[in-house]
Amino acid sequence: MLVTTVAVTDLERAKRFFGEQLGLPLLDETPFALRFGGGNGTQVSVRRGQPNVGQTVGHFEVADIEATVRDLLSRDVPFDEYETPKTTNFIAQIGPARGAWFKDPDGNVFGLREGPIPAAT
């Protein structure tokens, strides 16, 4: 299992964002880090540190990107529109997959991805 780790400046704010806004279950909490379930056995570790602002740090595989975007927008998760790849209603076609991107309160970029999952050869 691979665990994505992101740095944030404020753990309490991150706890509200990842737990309440994204709806991820909190698995572990220490004074320096939080661990959330990311679905299908994956996890997201959030630690205190310098954020990687403006760069995609991870993405969530979803079965229905439109429904997921609608749900997260209703929870005040801010999605971004882009020219490259061109998004319409926050969603871009990327080959056989589709994607959408949002930022956490520290500017770390996360994506949603719907489409075929590449298999090992």
C-alpha atoms as a PDB file:
ATOM      1  CA  MET A   1       0.000   0.000   0.000  1.00  0.00           C
ATOM      2  CA  LEU A   2       1.210   3.502  -0.835  1.00  0.00           C
ATOM      3  CA  VAL A   3       0.191   6.381   1.439  1.00  0.00           C
ATOM      4  CA  THR A   4       0.202   9.900   0.009  1.00  0.00           C
ATOM      5  CA  THR A   5       1.595  12.479   2.443  1.00  0.00           C
ATOM      6  CA  VAL A   6       0.881  16.201   2.185  1.00  0.00           C
ATOM      7  CA  ALA A   7       2.178  19.070   4.267  1.00  0.00           C
ATOM      8  CA  VAL A   8      -0.102  21.720   5.760  1.00  0.00           C
ATOM      9  CA  THR A   9       0.443  24.720   7.998  1.00  0.00           C
ATOM     10  CA  ASP A  10      -2.600  24.184  10.239  1.00  0.00           C
ATOM     11  CA  LEU A  11      -3.578  20.663  11.338  1.00  0.00           C
ATOM     12  CA  GLU A  12      -6.922  21.709  12.857  1.00  0.00           C
ATOM     13  CA  ARG A  13      -7.964  23.420   9.619  1.00  0.00           C
ATOM     14  CA  ALA A  14      -6.772  20.373   7.643  1.00  0.00           C
ATOM     15  CA  LYS A  15      -8.738  18.078   9.965  1.00  0.00           C
ATOM     16  CA  ARG A  16     -11.941  19.992   9.154  1.00  0.00           C
ATOM     17  CA  PHE A  17     -11.188  20.088   5.411  1.00  0.00           C
ATOM     18  CA  PHE A  18     -10.236  16.434   4.928  1.00  0.00           C
ATOM     19  CA  GLY A  19     -12.675  15.067   7.497  1.00  0.00           C
ATOM     20  CA  GLU A  20     -15.749  17.271   7.131  1.00  0.00           C
ATOM     21  CA  GLN A  21     -15.535  18.778   3.646  1.00  0.00           C
ATOM     22  CA  LEU A  22     -14.031  15.781   1.835  1.00  0.00           C
ATOM     23  CA  GLY A  23     -15.751  13.288   4.136  1.00  0.00           C
ATOM     24  CA  LEU A  24     -12.666  11.133   4.697  1.00  0.00           C
ATOM     25  CA  PRO A  25     -12.626   9.043   7.891  1.00  0.00           C
ATOM     26  CA  LEU A  26      -9.953  10.027  10.423  1.00  0.00           C
ATOM     27  CA  LEU A  27      -7.877   6.917  11.182  1.00  0.00           C
ATOM     28  CA  ASP A  28      -5.142   8.310  13.425  1.00  0.00           C
ATOM     29  CA  GLU A  29      -4.173  11.603  15.025  1.00  0.00           C
ATOM     30  CA  THR A  30      -0.929  12.714  16.665  1.00  0.00           C
ATOM     31  CA  PRO A  31       0.227  16.227  17.615  1.00  0.00           C
ATOM     32  CA  PHE A  32       2.175  16.344  14.323  1.00  0.00           C
ATOM     33  CA  ALA A  33       0.073  14.438  11.784  1.00  0.00           C
ATOM     34  CA  LEU A  34      -3.331  13.086  10.792  1.00  0.00           C
ATOM     35  CA  ARG A  35      -4.127   9.929   8.813  1.00  0.00           C
ATOM     36  CA  PHE A  36      -7.331   9.613   6.789  1.00  0.00           C
ATOM     37  CA  GLY A  37      -8.848   6.734   4.870  1.00  0.00           C
ATOM     38  CA  GLY A  38      -8.873   7.487   1.152  1.00  0.00           C
ATOM     39  CA  GLY A  39     -11.085   4.636  -0.073  1.00  0.00           C
ATOM     40  CA  ASN A  40     -10.329   1.104  -1.257  1.00  0.00           C
ATOM     41  CA  GLY A  41      -7.642   0.653   1.395  1.00  0.00           C
ATOM     42  CA  THR A  42      -5.684   3.793   0.498  1.00  0.00           C
ATOM     43  CA  GLN A  43      -4.736   6.457   3.010  1.00  0.00           C
ATOM     44  CA  VAL A  44      -3.762  10.124   3.081  1.00  0.00           C
ATOM     45  CA  SER A  45      -1.293  11.335   5.680  1.00  0.00           C
ATOM     46  CA  VAL A  46      -1.409  15.039   6.542  1.00  0.00           C
ATOM     47  CA  ARG A  47       1.565  16.437   8.431  1.00  0.00           C
ATOM     48  CA  ARG A  48       2.612  19.837   9.666  1.00  0.00           C
ATOM     49  CA  GLY A  49       5.128  21.397   7.277  1.00  0.00           C
ATOM     50  CA  GLN A  50       5.618  23.505   4.161  1.00  0.00           C
ATOM     51  CA  PRO A  51       2.837  22.853   1.596  1.00  0.00           C
ATOM     52  CA  ASN A  52       3.623  22.013  -2.027  1.00  0.00           C
ATOM     53  CA  VAL A  53       1.474  24.880  -3.337  1.00  0.00           C
ATOM     54  CA  GLY A  54       0.215  24.677  -6.910  1.00  0.00           C
ATOM     55  CA  GLN A  55       1.285  21.092  -7.596  1.00  0.00           C
ATOM     56  CA  THR A  56      -0.967  18.047  -7.776  1.00  0.00           C
ATOM     57  CA  VAL A  57       0.004  15.935  -4.782  1.00  0.00           C
ATOM     58  CA  GLY A  58      -2.461  13.086  -5.364  1.00  0.00           C
ATOM     59  CA  HIS A  59      -5.758  12.150  -6.896  1.00  0.00           C
ATOM     60  CA  PHE A  60      -8.786  10.116  -5.961  1.00  0.00           C
ATOM     61  CA  GLU A  61     -10.149   7.507  -8.362  1.00  0.00           C
ATOM     62  CA  VAL A  62     -13.933   7.925  -8.574  1.00  0.00           C
ATOM     63  CA  ALA A  63     -16.685   6.027 -10.367  1.00  0.00           C
ATOM     64  CA  ASP A  64     -18.861   9.074 -11.172  1.00  0.00           C
ATOM     65  CA  ILE A  65     -16.903  12.312 -11.472  1.00  0.00           C
ATOM     66  CA  GLU A  66     -19.961  14.538 -12.037  1.00  0.00           C
ATOM     67  CA  ALA A  67     -21.662  13.260  -8.874  1.00  0.00           C
ATOM     68  CA  THR A  68     -18.446  13.564  -6.864  1.00  0.00           C
ATOM     69  CA  VAL A  69     -17.834  17.135  -8.037  1.00  0.00           C
ATOM     70  CA  ARG A  70     -21.451  18.082  -7.202  1.00  0.00           C
ATOM     71  CA  ASP A  71     -21.165  16.504  -3.751  1.00  0.00           C
ATOM     72  CA  LEU A  72     -17.876  18.246  -2.952  1.00  0.00           C
ATOM     73  CA  LEU A  73     -19.123  21.603  -4.286  1.00  0.00           C
ATOM     74  CA  SER A  74     -22.093  21.280  -1.914  1.00  0.00           C
ATOM     75  CA  ARG A  75     -19.515  20.956   0.900  1.00  0.00           C
ATOM     76  CA  ASP A  76     -17.762  24.169  -0.255  1.00  0.00           C
ATOM     77  CA  VAL A  77     -14.741  22.389  -1.748  1.00  0.00           C
ATOM     78  CA  PRO A  78     -13.382  24.876  -4.326  1.00  0.00           C
ATOM     79  CA  PHE A  79     -12.702  23.393  -7.783  1.00  0.00           C
ATOM     80  CA  ASP A  80     -10.562  25.099 -10.428  1.00  0.00           C
ATOM     81  CA  GLU A  81     -11.162  25.661 -14.137  1.00  0.00           C
ATOM     82  CA  TYR A  82      -8.166  25.254 -16.475  1.00  0.00           C
ATOM     83  CA  GLU A  83      -7.304  26.018 -20.075  1.00  0.00           C
ATOM     84  CA  THR A  84      -4.842  23.119 -20.315  1.00  0.00           C
ATOM     85  CA  PRO A  85      -6.318  20.608 -20.058  1.00  0.00           C
ATOM     86  CA  LYS A  86      -9.536  22.463 -20.893  1.00  0.00           C
ATOM     87  CA  THR A  87     -12.176  22.023 -18.196  1.00  0.00           C
ATOM     88  CA  THR A  88     -15.907  22.470 -18.611  1.00  0.00           C
ATOM     89  CA  ASN A  89     -17.877  22.623 -15.375  1.00  0.00           C
ATOM     90  CA  PHE A  90     -14.552  21.783 -13.678  1.00  0.00           C
ATOM     91  CA  ILE A  91     -14.067  18.497 -15.613  1.00  0.00           C
ATOM     92  CA  ALA A  92     -11.486  17.811 -18.353  1.00  0.00           C
ATOM     93  CA  GLN A  93     -11.225  14.931 -20.810  1.00  0.00           C
ATOM     94  CA  ILE A  94      -7.730  13.412 -20.648  1.00  0.00           C
ATOM     95  CA  GLY A  95      -7.463  10.562 -23.149  1.00  0.00           C
ATOM     96  CA  PRO A  96      -9.876   7.843 -22.001  1.00  0.00           C
ATOM     97  CA  ALA A  97     -10.141   9.388 -18.511  1.00  0.00           C
ATOM     98  CA  ARG A  98     -11.654  12.545 -17.072  1.00  0.00           C
ATOM     99  CA  GLY A  99     -10.267  14.713 -14.296  1.00  0.00           C
ATOM    100  CA  ALA A 100     -11.111  17.623 -11.993  1.00  0.00           C
ATOM    101  CA  TRP A 101      -8.908  19.498  -9.515  1.00  0.00           C
ATOM    102  CA  PHE A 102      -9.360  21.278  -6.191  1.00  0.00           C
ATOM    103  CA  LYS A 103      -7.077  22.787  -3.565  1.00  0.00           C
ATOM    104  CA  ASP A 104      -6.925  22.238   0.163  1.00  0.00           C
ATOM    105  CA  PRO A 105      -6.745  25.368   2.370  1.00  0.00           C
ATOM    106  CA  ASP A 106      -2.921  25.358   2.056  1.00  0.00           C
ATOM    107  CA  GLY A 107      -2.918  25.295  -1.761  1.00  0.00           C
ATOM    108  CA  ASN A 108      -2.018  21.610  -2.242  1.00  0.00           C
ATOM    109  CA  VAL A 109      -3.791  20.461  -5.418  1.00  0.00           C
ATOM    110  CA  PHE A 110      -5.782  17.217  -5.448  1.00  0.00           C
ATOM    111  CA  GLY A 111      -7.447  15.623  -8.414  1.00  0.00           C
ATOM    112  CA  LEU A 112     -10.421  13.426  -9.081  1.00  0.00           C
ATOM    113  CA  ARG A 113     -10.029  10.867 -11.871  1.00  0.00           C
ATOM    114  CA  GLU A 114     -12.676   8.755 -13.584  1.00  0.00           C
ATOM    115  CA  GLY A 115     -11.684   6.198 -16.173  1.00  0.00           C
ATOM    116  CA  PRO A 116      -9.897   2.960 -16.835  1.00  0.00           C
ATOM    117  CA  ILE A 117      -7.172   2.215 -14.320  1.00  0.00           C
ATOM    118  CA  PRO A 118      -3.912   1.175 -15.964  1.00  0.00           C
ATOM    119  CA  ALA A 119      -2.903  -2.387 -15.169  1.00  0.00           C
ATOM    120  CA  ALA A 120       0.599  -3.706 -14.642  1.00  0.00           C
ATOM    121  CA  THR A 121       2.035  -5.506 -17.654  1.00  0.00           C
END
